[in-house]
C-alpha atoms as a PDB file:
ATOM      1  CA  MET A   1      -4.284 -29.092  10.077  1.00  0.00           C
ATOM      2  CA  ILE A   2      -6.309 -25.875  10.310  1.00  0.00           C
ATOM      3  CA  SER A   3      -3.507 -23.778   8.814  1.00  0.00           C
ATOM      4  CA  ARG A   4      -3.209 -26.203   5.894  1.00  0.00           C
ATOM      5  CA  LEU A   5      -6.926 -25.992   5.218  1.00  0.00           C
ATOM      6  CA  ALA A   6      -6.616 -22.210   5.414  1.00  0.00           C
ATOM      7  CA  GLY A   7      -4.451 -22.400   2.302  1.00  0.00           C
ATOM      8  CA  GLN A   8      -1.113 -21.177   3.619  1.00  0.00           C
ATOM      9  CA  SER A   9       1.141 -24.128   2.730  1.00  0.00           C
ATOM     10  CA  SER A  10      -0.015 -26.013  -0.378  1.00  0.00           C
ATOM     11  CA  ALA A  11       1.213 -24.710  -3.740  1.00  0.00           C
ATOM     12  CA  LEU A  12      -1.500 -26.748  -5.440  1.00  0.00           C
ATOM     13  CA  PHE A  13      -4.140 -25.064  -3.272  1.00  0.00           C
ATOM     14  CA  GLN A  14      -2.683 -21.644  -4.103  1.00  0.00           C
ATOM     15  CA  ARG A  15      -2.991 -22.298  -7.843  1.00  0.00           C
ATOM     16  CA  TRP A  16      -6.551 -23.467  -7.375  1.00  0.00           C
ATOM     17  CA  LEU A  17      -7.248 -20.387  -5.245  1.00  0.00           C
ATOM     18  CA  THR A  18      -5.900 -18.095  -7.956  1.00  0.00           C
ATOM     19  CA  ARG A  19      -8.424 -19.513 -10.409  1.00  0.00           C
ATOM     20  CA  ARG A  20     -11.279 -19.401  -7.900  1.00  0.00           C
ATOM     21  CA  ILE A  21     -10.547 -15.945  -6.392  1.00  0.00           C
ATOM     22  CA  PRO A  22      -8.507 -13.967  -8.959  1.00  0.00           C
ATOM     23  CA  ALA A  23      -6.770 -10.709  -8.092  1.00  0.00           C
ATOM     24  CA  SER A  24      -9.064  -7.677  -8.242  1.00  0.00           C
ATOM     25  CA  SER A  25      -9.317  -4.224  -6.677  1.00  0.00           C
ATOM     26  CA  GLN A  26     -12.791  -5.106  -5.361  1.00  0.00           C
ATOM     27  CA  VAL A  27     -14.242  -8.430  -4.224  1.00  0.00           C
ATOM     28  CA  VAL A  28     -17.709  -9.530  -3.133  1.00  0.00           C
ATOM     29  CA  LEU A  29     -17.651 -12.534  -0.803  1.00  0.00           C
ATOM     30  CA  ASN A  30     -20.030 -15.292  -1.867  1.00  0.00           C
ATOM     31  CA  HIS A  31     -20.295 -19.062  -1.558  1.00  0.00           C
ATOM     32  CA  ARG A  32     -17.453 -19.581  -4.065  1.00  0.00           C
ATOM     33  CA  ARG A  33     -15.080 -17.400  -2.065  1.00  0.00           C
ATOM     34  CA  ILE A  34     -15.910 -18.392   1.526  1.00  0.00           C
ATOM     35  CA  PHE A  35     -14.531 -21.390   3.412  1.00  0.00           C
ATOM     36  CA  ILE A  36     -15.835 -22.572   6.778  1.00  0.00           C
ATOM     37  CA  MET A  37     -14.831 -25.189   9.324  1.00  0.00           C
ATOM     38  CA  PRO A  38     -15.184 -25.810  13.080  1.00  0.00           C
ATOM     39  CA  THR A  39     -12.789 -24.108  15.457  1.00  0.00           C
ATOM     40  CA  ARG A  40     -11.082 -25.995  18.286  1.00  0.00           C
ATOM     41  CA  ALA A  41     -14.016 -25.138  20.514  1.00  0.00           C
ATOM     42  CA  GLY A  42     -16.405 -26.421  17.858  1.00  0.00           C
ATOM     43  CA  MET A  43     -14.453 -29.648  17.396  1.00  0.00           C
ATOM     44  CA  GLY A  44     -14.406 -30.134  21.180  1.00  0.00           C
ATOM     45  CA  LEU A  45     -18.160 -29.614  21.351  1.00  0.00           C
ATOM     46  CA  LEU A  46     -18.722 -32.056  18.481  1.00  0.00           C
ATOM     47  CA  LEU A  47     -16.594 -34.696  20.219  1.00  0.00           C
ATOM     48  CA  LEU A  48     -18.495 -34.124  23.466  1.00  0.00           C
ATOM     49  CA  LEU A  49     -21.833 -34.543  21.679  1.00  0.00           C
ATOM     50  CA  VAL A  50     -20.688 -37.861  20.195  1.00  0.00           C
ATOM     51  CA  ILE A  51     -19.637 -39.124  23.634  1.00  0.00           C
ATOM     52  CA  MET A  52     -22.921 -37.959  25.182  1.00  0.00           C
ATOM     53  CA  LEU A  53     -24.890 -39.603  22.359  1.00  0.00           C
ATOM     54  CA  ILE A  54     -23.103 -42.912  22.965  1.00  0.00           C
ATOM     55  CA  GLY A  55     -23.892 -42.609  26.674  1.00  0.00           C
ATOM     56  CA  ALA A  56     -27.547 -41.815  25.966  1.00  0.00           C
ATOM     57  CA  ILE A  57     -27.863 -44.866  23.703  1.00  0.00           C
ATOM     58  CA  ASN A  58     -26.112 -47.078  26.230  1.00  0.00           C
ATOM     59  CA  TYR A  59     -28.165 -45.967  29.228  1.00  0.00           C
ATOM     60  CA  GLN A  60     -31.403 -45.078  27.381  1.00  0.00           C
ATOM     61  CA  ASN A  61     -31.449 -41.686  29.124  1.00  0.00           C
ATOM     62  CA  SER A  62     -34.009 -39.334  27.573  1.00  0.00           C
ATOM     63  CA  LEU A  63     -32.584 -36.232  29.301  1.00  0.00           C
ATOM     64  CA  ILE A  64     -29.191 -36.793  27.688  1.00  0.00           C
ATOM     65  CA  TYR A  65     -30.936 -37.181  24.313  1.00  0.00           C
ATOM     66  CA  VAL A  66     -32.588 -33.771  24.815  1.00  0.00           C
ATOM     67  CA  VAL A  67     -29.273 -32.113  25.675  1.00  0.00           C
ATOM     68  CA  VAL A  68     -27.469 -33.730  22.728  1.00  0.00           C
ATOM     69  CA  PHE A  69     -30.106 -32.804  20.148  1.00  0.00           C
ATOM     70  CA  THR A  70     -30.503 -29.267  21.536  1.00  0.00           C
ATOM     71  CA  LEU A  71     -26.761 -28.581  21.396  1.00  0.00           C
ATOM     72  CA  GLY A  72     -26.554 -30.297  18.016  1.00  0.00           C
ATOM     73  CA  SER A  73     -29.261 -27.989  16.675  1.00  0.00           C
ATOM     74  CA  LEU A  74     -27.379 -24.941  17.997  1.00  0.00           C
ATOM     75  CA  PHE A  75     -24.222 -26.305  16.395  1.00  0.00           C
ATOM     76  CA  TRP A  76     -25.960 -26.574  13.015  1.00  0.00           C
ATOM     77  CA  VAL A  77     -27.620 -23.162  13.271  1.00  0.00           C
ATOM     78  CA  GLY A  78     -24.291 -21.601  14.329  1.00  0.00           C
ATOM     79  CA  LEU A  79     -22.686 -22.861  11.118  1.00  0.00           C
ATOM     80  CA  HIS A  80     -25.221 -20.999   8.947  1.00  0.00           C
ATOM     81  CA  HIS A  81     -25.067 -17.816  11.030  1.00  0.00           C
ATOM     82  CA  THR A  82     -21.260 -17.722  10.868  1.00  0.00           C
ATOM     83  CA  TYR A  83     -21.361 -18.092   7.100  1.00  0.00           C
ATOM     84  CA  ARG A  84     -24.048 -15.388   6.734  1.00  0.00           C
ATOM     85  CA  HIS A  85     -21.943 -12.907   8.721  1.00  0.00           C
ATOM     86  CA  LEU A  86     -19.295 -13.039   5.992  1.00  0.00           C
ATOM     87  CA  ALA A  87     -21.430 -13.611   2.880  1.00  0.00           C
ATOM     88  CA  GLY A  88     -22.280 -10.500   0.859  1.00  0.00           C
ATOM     89  CA  LEU A  89     -19.460  -8.371   2.287  1.00  0.00           C
ATOM     90  CA  GLU A  90     -17.759  -6.172  -0.318  1.00  0.00           C
ATOM     91  CA  LEU A  91     -14.084  -5.238  -0.099  1.00  0.00           C
ATOM     92  CA  HIS A  92     -12.675  -2.294  -2.050  1.00  0.00           C
ATOM     93  CA  ALA A  93      -8.953  -1.495  -2.135  1.00  0.00           C
ATOM     94  CA  SER A  94      -7.902   2.151  -2.181  1.00  0.00           C
ATOM     95  CA  GLY A  95      -4.612   3.779  -3.158  1.00  0.00           C
ATOM     96  CA  SER A  96      -1.445   3.665  -1.134  1.00  0.00           C
ATOM     97  CA  GLN A  97       1.512   6.036  -0.782  1.00  0.00           C
ATOM     98  CA  PRO A  98       5.174   5.119  -1.413  1.00  0.00           C
ATOM     99  CA  VAL A  99       7.264   4.381   1.673  1.00  0.00           C
ATOM    100  CA  PHE A 100      10.922   3.898   2.498  1.00  0.00           C
ATOM    101  CA  CYS A 101      12.267   0.408   3.053  1.00  0.00           C
ATOM    102  CA  GLY A 102      11.852  -0.577   6.700  1.00  0.00           C
ATOM    103  CA  GLU A 103       8.690   1.483   7.174  1.00  0.00           C
ATOM    104  CA  GLU A 104       5.208   0.018   7.237  1.00  0.00           C
ATOM    105  CA  ALA A 105       3.176   0.425   4.078  1.00  0.00           C
ATOM    106  CA  SER A 106      -0.319   1.771   4.686  1.00  0.00           C
ATOM    107  CA  LEU A 107      -3.029   0.056   2.650  1.00  0.00           C
ATOM    108  CA  GLY A 108      -6.527   1.504   2.583  1.00  0.00           C
ATOM    109  CA  ILE A 109      -9.566  -0.736   2.389  1.00  0.00           C
ATOM    110  CA  ALA A 110     -13.308  -0.074   2.440  1.00  0.00           C
ATOM    111  CA  LEU A 111     -15.772  -2.712   3.657  1.00  0.00           C
ATOM    112  CA  VAL A 112     -19.278  -2.250   2.261  1.00  0.00           C
ATOM    113  CA  SER A 113     -22.430  -3.964   3.491  1.00  0.00           C
ATOM    114  CA  ALA A 114     -25.232  -4.026   0.971  1.00  0.00           C
ATOM    115  CA  ARG A 115     -28.012  -5.545   3.099  1.00  0.00           C
ATOM    116  CA  ARG A 116     -27.127  -6.961   6.525  1.00  0.00           C
ATOM    117  CA  GLU A 117     -24.810  -6.055   9.360  1.00  0.00           C
ATOM    118  CA  HIS A 118     -21.449  -7.812   9.525  1.00  0.00           C
ATOM    119  CA  GLN A 119     -19.991  -8.136  13.008  1.00  0.00           C
ATOM    120  CA  ALA A 120     -16.548  -9.086  14.328  1.00  0.00           C
ATOM    121  CA  ILE A 121     -14.834  -9.105  10.920  1.00  0.00           C
ATOM    122  CA  VAL A 122     -11.102  -9.720  11.345  1.00  0.00           C
ATOM    123  CA  LEU A 123      -8.581  -8.748   8.635  1.00  0.00           C
ATOM    124  CA  GLY A 124      -4.856  -9.362   8.427  1.00  0.00           C
ATOM    125  CA  TRP A 125      -1.969 -11.210   6.835  1.00  0.00           C
ATOM    126  CA  PRO A 126      -0.506 -14.456   8.202  1.00  0.00           C
ATOM    127  CA  GLY A 127       1.952 -13.714  10.983  1.00  0.00           C
ATOM    128  CA  GLY A 128       1.033 -10.036  11.189  1.00  0.00           C
ATOM    129  CA  ALA A 129      -1.225  -7.838  13.283  1.00  0.00           C
ATOM    130  CA  ARG A 130      -4.958  -8.127  12.689  1.00  0.00           C
ATOM    131  CA  ARG A 131      -7.767  -5.585  12.785  1.00  0.00           C
ATOM    132  CA  GLN A 132     -11.330  -6.266  13.900  1.00  0.00           C
ATOM    133  CA  VAL A 133     -14.205  -4.161  12.639  1.00  0.00           C
ATOM    134  CA  ASP A 134     -18.005  -4.104  12.505  1.00  0.00           C
ATOM    135  CA  VAL A 135     -19.763  -3.048   9.297  1.00  0.00           C
ATOM    136  CA  PRO A 136     -23.260  -1.540   9.768  1.00  0.00           C
ATOM    137  CA  ALA A 137     -26.038  -2.616   7.424  1.00  0.00           C
ATOM    138  CA  GLY A 138     -26.233  -0.547   4.237  1.00  0.00           C
ATOM    139  CA  LEU A 139     -23.077   1.430   5.077  1.00  0.00           C
ATOM    140  CA  SER A 140     -19.333   1.201   4.536  1.00  0.00           C
ATOM    141  CA  THR A 141     -16.396   1.214   6.919  1.00  0.00           C
ATOM    142  CA  THR A 142     -12.955   2.455   5.888  1.00  0.00           C
ATOM    143  CA  LEU A 143      -9.779   1.451   7.663  1.00  0.00           C
ATOM    144  CA  THR A 144      -6.035   1.312   7.068  1.00  0.00           C
ATOM    145  CA  LEU A 145      -3.988  -1.859   7.268  1.00  0.00           C
ATOM    146  CA  TYR A 146      -0.210  -1.876   7.663  1.00  0.00           C
ATOM    147  CA  HIS A 147       2.283  -4.251   6.084  1.00  0.00           C
ATOM    148  CA  PRO A 148       6.044  -4.323   6.818  1.00  0.00           C
ATOM    149  CA  THR A 149       8.525  -3.652   4.015  1.00  0.00           C
ATOM    150  CA  GLU A 150      11.800  -5.521   3.751  1.00  0.00           C
ATOM    151  CA  ARG A 151      13.184  -4.570   0.318  1.00  0.00           C
ATOM    152  CA  ARG A 152      12.870  -1.821  -2.251  1.00  0.00           C
ATOM    153  CA  GLY A 153      10.791  -2.071  -5.400  1.00  0.00           C
ATOM    154  CA  TRP A 154       7.147  -3.011  -5.719  1.00  0.00           C
ATOM    155  CA  LEU A 155       5.510  -4.481  -2.641  1.00  0.00           C
ATOM    156  CA  ARG A 156       2.669  -6.888  -3.320  1.00  0.00           C
ATOM    157  CA  PRO A 157       1.394  -7.949   0.106  1.00  0.00           C
ATOM    158  CA  GLY A 158      -0.383 -11.046  -1.159  1.00  0.00           C
ATOM    159  CA  ARG A 159      -3.702 -12.486  -0.099  1.00  0.00           C
ATOM    160  CA  LEU A 160      -5.521 -10.850   2.788  1.00  0.00           C
ATOM    161  CA  ARG A 161      -7.311 -13.157   5.218  1.00  0.00           C
ATOM    162  CA  VAL A 162     -10.833 -12.023   6.073  1.00  0.00           C
ATOM    163  CA  GLU A 163     -12.592 -14.072   8.741  1.00  0.00           C
ATOM    164  CA  THR A 164     -15.294 -14.114  11.402  1.00  0.00           C
ATOM    165  CA  ARG A 165     -16.162 -16.431  14.281  1.00  0.00           C
ATOM    166  CA  PHE A 166     -19.392 -14.671  15.148  1.00  0.00           C
ATOM    167  CA  PRO A 167     -21.747 -15.465  16.868  1.00  0.00           C
ATOM    168  CA  LEU A 168     -20.785 -18.539  18.945  1.00  0.00           C
ATOM    169  CA  GLY A 169     -17.127 -19.079  18.107  1.00  0.00           C
ATOM    170  CA  TRP A 170     -17.750 -22.709  17.140  1.00  0.00           C
ATOM    171  CA  PHE A 171     -16.992 -22.060  13.450  1.00  0.00           C
ATOM    172  CA  VAL A 172     -14.579 -19.847  11.556  1.00  0.00           C
ATOM    173  CA  ALA A 173     -15.595 -18.592   8.111  1.00  0.00           C
ATOM    174  CA  TRP A 174     -12.803 -17.052   6.090  1.00  0.00           C
ATOM    175  CA  SER A 175     -11.693 -15.985   2.660  1.00  0.00           C
ATOM    176  CA  LEU A 176      -8.286 -15.259   1.142  1.00  0.00           C
ATOM    177  CA  VAL A 177      -8.654 -12.280  -1.198  1.00  0.00           C
ATOM    178  CA  ASP A 178      -6.050 -10.643  -3.409  1.00  0.00           C
ATOM    179  CA  LEU A 179      -6.965  -6.960  -3.689  1.00  0.00           C
ATOM    180  CA  ASP A 180      -4.170  -6.311  -6.172  1.00  0.00           C
ATOM    181  CA  TRP A 181      -2.369  -3.782  -3.958  1.00  0.00           C
ATOM    182  CA  GLN A 182       0.934  -2.345  -5.204  1.00  0.00           C
ATOM    183  CA  VAL A 183       3.129  -0.133  -3.061  1.00  0.00           C
ATOM    184  CA  LEU A 184       6.359   1.462  -4.270  1.00  0.00           C
ATOM    185  CA  VAL A 185       9.131   1.020  -1.685  1.00  0.00           C
ATOM    186  CA  TYR A 186      12.048   3.485  -1.855  1.00  0.00           C
ATOM    187  CA  PRO A 187      15.547   2.465  -0.718  1.00  0.00           C
ATOM    188  CA  ARG A 188      16.274   2.914   2.980  1.00  0.00           C
ATOM    189  CA  PRO A 189      17.967   6.345   3.419  1.00  0.00           C
ATOM    190  CA  VAL A 190      21.589   6.196   4.571  1.00  0.00           C
ATOM    191  CA  ALA A 191      23.209   9.190   6.250  1.00  0.00           C
ATOM    192  CA  ALA A 192      26.399  10.116   4.379  1.00  0.00           C
ATOM    193  CA  PRO A 193      28.263  13.396   3.709  1.00  0.00           C
ATOM    194  CA  LEU A 194      27.261  15.109   0.513  1.00  0.00           C
ATOM    195  CA  PRO A 195      29.847  14.876  -2.282  1.00  0.00           C
ATOM    196  CA  GLY A 196      31.381  17.975  -3.866  1.00  0.00           C
ATOM    197  CA  LEU A 197      29.935  19.429  -7.043  1.00  0.00           C
ATOM    198  CA  ALA A 198      30.368  16.824  -9.757  1.00  0.00           C
ATOM    199  CA  GLU A 199      31.960  17.443 -13.136  1.00  0.00           C
ATOM    200  CA  ALA A 200      30.622  14.298 -14.765  1.00  0.00           C
ATOM    201  CA  GLY A 201      29.429  15.704 -18.071  1.00  0.00           C
ATOM    202  CA  GLU A 202      27.883  18.539 -20.010  1.00  0.00           C
ATOM    203  CA  GLY A 203      25.989  21.046 -17.921  1.00  0.00           C
ATOM    204  CA  LEU A 204      27.168  19.696 -14.573  1.00  0.00           C
ATOM    205  CA  GLY A 205      27.882  22.241 -11.885  1.00  0.00           C
ATOM    206  CA  GLU A 206      26.071  25.033 -13.697  1.00  0.00           C
ATOM    207  CA  HIS A 207      24.402  27.883 -11.846  1.00  0.00           C
ATOM    208  CA  TRP A 208      20.641  27.605 -11.399  1.00  0.00           C
ATOM    209  CA  LEU A 209      18.470  30.594 -12.256  1.00  0.00           C
ATOM    210  CA  ALA A 210      15.022  31.095 -10.813  1.00  0.00           C
ATOM    211  CA  GLU A 211      12.456  33.811 -11.348  1.00  0.00           C
ATOM    212  CA  GLY A 212      13.280  36.821  -9.195  1.00  0.00           C
ATOM    213  CA  VAL A 213      13.813  40.588  -9.314  1.00  0.00           C
ATOM    214  CA  ASP A 214      17.553  41.064  -9.866  1.00  0.00           C
ATOM    215  CA  ASP A 215      18.728  40.415 -13.433  1.00  0.00           C
ATOM    216  CA  PHE A 216      16.745  41.282 -16.574  1.00  0.00           C
ATOM    217  CA  GLN A 217      16.528  38.190 -18.808  1.00  0.00           C
ATOM    218  CA  GLY A 218      14.241  39.283 -21.634  1.00  0.00           C
ATOM    219  CA  LEU A 219      10.604  39.509 -22.655  1.00  0.00           C
ATOM    220  CA  ARG A 220       7.771  37.037 -23.004  1.00  0.00           C
ATOM    221  CA  ASP A 221       4.131  37.295 -24.054  1.00  0.00           C
ATOM    222  CA  TYR A 222       1.781  38.783 -21.511  1.00  0.00           C
ATOM    223  CA  ARG A 223      -0.106  36.311 -19.327  1.00  0.00           C
ATOM    224  CA  PRO A 224      -3.207  37.181 -17.303  1.00  0.00           C
ATOM    225  CA  GLY A 225      -2.114  37.914 -13.753  1.00  0.00           C
ATOM    226  CA  ASP A 226       1.302  39.411 -14.622  1.00  0.00           C
ATOM    227  CA  SER A 227       2.206  42.464 -12.583  1.00  0.00           C
ATOM    228  CA  ARG A 228       1.653  45.806 -14.326  1.00  0.00           C
ATOM    229  CA  ARG A 229       5.080  46.936 -13.138  1.00  0.00           C
ATOM    230  CA  ARG A 230       6.688  44.313 -15.384  1.00  0.00           C
ATOM    231  CA  LEU A 231       4.783  45.196 -18.567  1.00  0.00           C
ATOM    232  CA  ASP A 232       6.845  46.645 -21.422  1.00  0.00           C
ATOM    233  CA  TRP A 233       4.735  49.684 -22.201  1.00  0.00           C
ATOM    234  CA  ARG A 234       7.229  51.076 -24.715  1.00  0.00           C
ATOM    235  CA  ALA A 235       6.938  48.020 -26.951  1.00  0.00           C
ATOM    236  CA  TRP A 236       3.159  48.178 -26.615  1.00  0.00           C
ATOM    237  CA  SER A 237       3.102  51.834 -27.637  1.00  0.00           C
ATOM    238  CA  ARG A 238       5.126  50.935 -30.769  1.00  0.00           C
ATOM    239  CA  GLY A 239       2.450  48.384 -31.719  1.00  0.00           C
ATOM    240  CA  GLN A 240       4.626  45.353 -30.940  1.00  0.00           C
ATOM    241  CA  GLY A 241       2.080  43.788 -28.635  1.00  0.00           C
ATOM    242  CA  LEU A 242       1.908  43.471 -24.876  1.00  0.00           C
ATOM    243  CA  HIS A 243       4.904  41.755 -23.245  1.00  0.00           C
ATOM    244  CA  SER A 244       6.136  41.139 -19.712  1.00  0.00           C
ATOM    245  CA  LYS A 245       9.696  41.589 -18.535  1.00  0.00           C
ATOM    246  CA  ILE A 246      11.454  38.551 -17.083  1.00  0.00           C
ATOM    247  CA  PHE A 247      13.902  38.873 -14.205  1.00  0.00           C
ATOM    248  CA  ALA A 248      15.942  36.126 -12.598  1.00  0.00           C
ATOM    249  CA  GLU A 249      18.258  35.636  -9.694  1.00  0.00           C
ATOM    250  CA  PRO A 250      21.028  33.047  -9.284  1.00  0.00           C
ATOM    251  CA  GLN A 251      20.422  30.205  -6.904  1.00  0.00           C
ATOM    252  CA  HIS A 252      22.596  27.365  -5.638  1.00  0.00           C
ATOM    253  CA  GLU A 253      24.795  25.467  -8.046  1.00  0.00           C
ATOM    254  CA  SER A 254      23.129  22.363  -9.397  1.00  0.00           C
ATOM    255  CA  GLN A 255      24.339  19.153  -7.797  1.00  0.00           C
ATOM    256  CA  TRP A 256      24.641  15.980  -9.832  1.00  0.00           C
ATOM    257  CA  LEU A 257      24.392  12.638  -8.070  1.00  0.00           C
ATOM    258  CA  THR A 258      25.825   9.464  -9.568  1.00  0.00           C
ATOM    259  CA  LEU A 259      26.057   5.871  -8.443  1.00  0.00           C
ATOM    260  CA  GLU A 260      29.859   6.055  -8.551  1.00  0.00           C
ATOM    261  CA  GLN A 261      29.859   8.828  -5.924  1.00  0.00           C
ATOM    262  CA  ALA A 262      27.912   6.750  -3.399  1.00  0.00           C
ATOM    263  CA  PRO A 263      30.101   4.837  -0.931  1.00  0.00           C
ATOM    264  CA  GLY A 264      29.215   1.416   0.383  1.00  0.00           C
ATOM    265  CA  PRO A 265      30.045  -2.275   0.032  1.00  0.00           C
ATOM    266  CA  THR A 266      26.746  -3.199  -1.653  1.00  0.00           C
ATOM    267  CA  LEU A 267      24.420  -1.769  -4.270  1.00  0.00           C
ATOM    268  CA  GLU A 268      21.635  -1.373  -1.705  1.00  0.00           C
ATOM    269  CA  HIS A 269      23.918   0.725   0.526  1.00  0.00           C
ATOM    270  CA  GLN A 270      24.874   2.918  -2.439  1.00  0.00           C
ATOM    271  CA  LEU A 271      21.242   3.448  -3.400  1.00  0.00           C
ATOM    272  CA  GLY A 272      20.523   4.289   0.239  1.00  0.00           C
ATOM    273  CA  CYS A 273      23.241   6.967   0.154  1.00  0.00           C
ATOM    274  CA  LEU A 274      21.741   8.477  -3.002  1.00  0.00           C
ATOM    275  CA  THR A 275      18.326   8.468  -1.321  1.00  0.00           C
ATOM    276  CA  GLY A 276      19.728  10.283   1.709  1.00  0.00           C
ATOM    277  CA  TRP A 277      21.440  12.880  -0.481  1.00  0.00           C
ATOM    278  CA  ILE A 278      18.243  13.537  -2.425  1.00  0.00           C
ATOM    279  CA  LEU A 279      16.344  14.188   0.804  1.00  0.00           C
ATOM    280  CA  GLN A 280      19.090  16.507   2.080  1.00  0.00           C
ATOM    281  CA  LEU A 281      19.283  18.525  -1.134  1.00  0.00           C
ATOM    282  CA  GLU A 282      15.504  18.771  -1.367  1.00  0.00           C
ATOM    283  CA  GLN A 283      15.381  20.101   2.174  1.00  0.00           C
ATOM    284  CA  ARG A 284      17.986  22.740   1.275  1.00  0.00           C
ATOM    285  CA  GLN A 285      16.083  23.601  -1.943  1.00  0.00           C
ATOM    286  CA  GLN A 286      19.304  23.057  -3.880  1.00  0.00           C
ATOM    287  CA  PRO A 287      18.797  21.819  -7.461  1.00  0.00           C
ATOM    288  CA  TYR A 288      20.067  18.298  -8.082  1.00  0.00           C
ATOM    289  CA  GLY A 289      20.146  15.822 -10.914  1.00  0.00           C
ATOM    290  CA  LEU A 290      20.475  12.056 -10.931  1.00  0.00           C
ATOM    291  CA  VAL A 291      22.567   9.854 -13.212  1.00  0.00           C
ATOM    292  CA  ILE A 292      22.340   6.070 -12.890  1.00  0.00           C
ATOM    293  CA  PRO A 293      22.664   3.449 -15.632  1.00  0.00           C
ATOM    294  CA  GLY A 294      19.642   3.804 -17.893  1.00  0.00           C
ATOM    295  CA  THR A 295      18.339   6.986 -16.228  1.00  0.00           C
ATOM    296  CA  ARG A 296      19.335  10.648 -16.381  1.00  0.00           C
ATOM    297  CA  LEU A 297      17.186  13.281 -14.661  1.00  0.00           C
ATOM    298  CA  ALA A 298      18.120  16.932 -15.184  1.00  0.00           C
ATOM    299  CA  PRO A 299      18.660  19.191 -12.149  1.00  0.00           C
ATOM    300  CA  ALA A 300      15.512  20.539 -10.545  1.00  0.00           C
ATOM    301  CA  THR A 301      13.768  20.800  -7.187  1.00  0.00           C
ATOM    302  CA  GLY A 302      10.288  20.110  -5.909  1.00  0.00           C
ATOM    303  CA  ALA A 303       8.193  17.181  -4.785  1.00  0.00           C
ATOM    304  CA  ALA A 304       7.625  15.847  -8.316  1.00  0.00           C
ATOM    305  CA  HIS A 305      11.345  15.823  -9.120  1.00  0.00           C
ATOM    306  CA  ARG A 306      12.152  14.213  -5.748  1.00  0.00           C
ATOM    307  CA  ASP A 307       9.571  11.488  -6.344  1.00  0.00           C
ATOM    308  CA  ASN A 308      10.879  10.816  -9.856  1.00  0.00           C
ATOM    309  CA  CYS A 309      14.410  10.411  -8.533  1.00  0.00           C
ATOM    310  CA  LEU A 310      13.341   8.152  -5.669  1.00  0.00           C
ATOM    311  CA  ARG A 311      11.229   6.072  -8.043  1.00  0.00           C
ATOM    312  CA  ALA A 312      14.213   5.582 -10.340  1.00  0.00           C
ATOM    313  CA  LEU A 313      16.314   4.408  -7.387  1.00  0.00           C
ATOM    314  CA  ALA A 314      13.549   2.113  -6.103  1.00  0.00           C
ATOM    315  CA  LEU A 315      13.127   0.358  -9.458  1.00  0.00           C
ATOM    316  CA  TYR A 316      16.808   0.268 -10.447  1.00  0.00           C
ATOM    317  CA  GLY A 317      17.667  -3.304 -11.401  1.00  0.00           C
ATOM    318  CA  VAL A 318      14.243  -4.588 -10.298  1.00  0.00           C
ATOM    319  CA  THR A 319      12.509  -6.969 -12.659  1.00  0.00           C
ATOM    320  CA  ALA A 320       8.713  -6.719 -12.954  1.00  0.00           C
END
């Protein structure tokens, strides 16, 4: 019953919740976004008070009346205090980094208290680990939540449950907020031997040249910071302007990676092999390019090129 009221099973409730608490990168909890109900301990206390009240009426016992009304007053005051410990809390989502499938995605969140202290705030997703935190008055608390990843593409973790049972544990006040997180999940890397140099098209298998000191390649306009040893003083003396000499040295042959090269019985296994090859080639600093249907990335190295290739693999065949 409690889990149903918490909004985890009813599709109708979820549609209503989407209208009431729409997705946003920051949310302020107020009376429209907070739900509250007695816990099992609270329901047990309420049942006990009803039984005691019946006994007090039956036996006309004033002492039992005092106990019933005192506990009933605490019960009522506890409801308001539990609600107040969640009301006014601000939640701000921060950026997240891409992860590989099977790893846990780290999701940053900041909890901001504008006026009062918020104690024993619990955050988490249904069925997952939860974090408890206190938010001092007028300050913010930053923490990282973790969500498992099961498939590549965009991970949208869904609504985060924020709750508190402070101070007496007789009530639970909660909210289900959608902080509009999006995490890019790369394919799970698969260890496989690197293929030989491909000859799949124009420019494949070509030698890669990088700036060095061996072979003279030509001249370019002078740039502030260029070494004086590389300035072409003869051209400058002839009034042709100031130029710098360019030298290069051969590097590894560029390696092209295609979907057809990747072994495996399924598409996911093939994409995993391509992911593993990209990581290996990047570690060796060997230029590599990627060719998959709809995408062609020229050979290069570096973190930006690696991320572009992994992004292409993560979103291959994935509908938005």
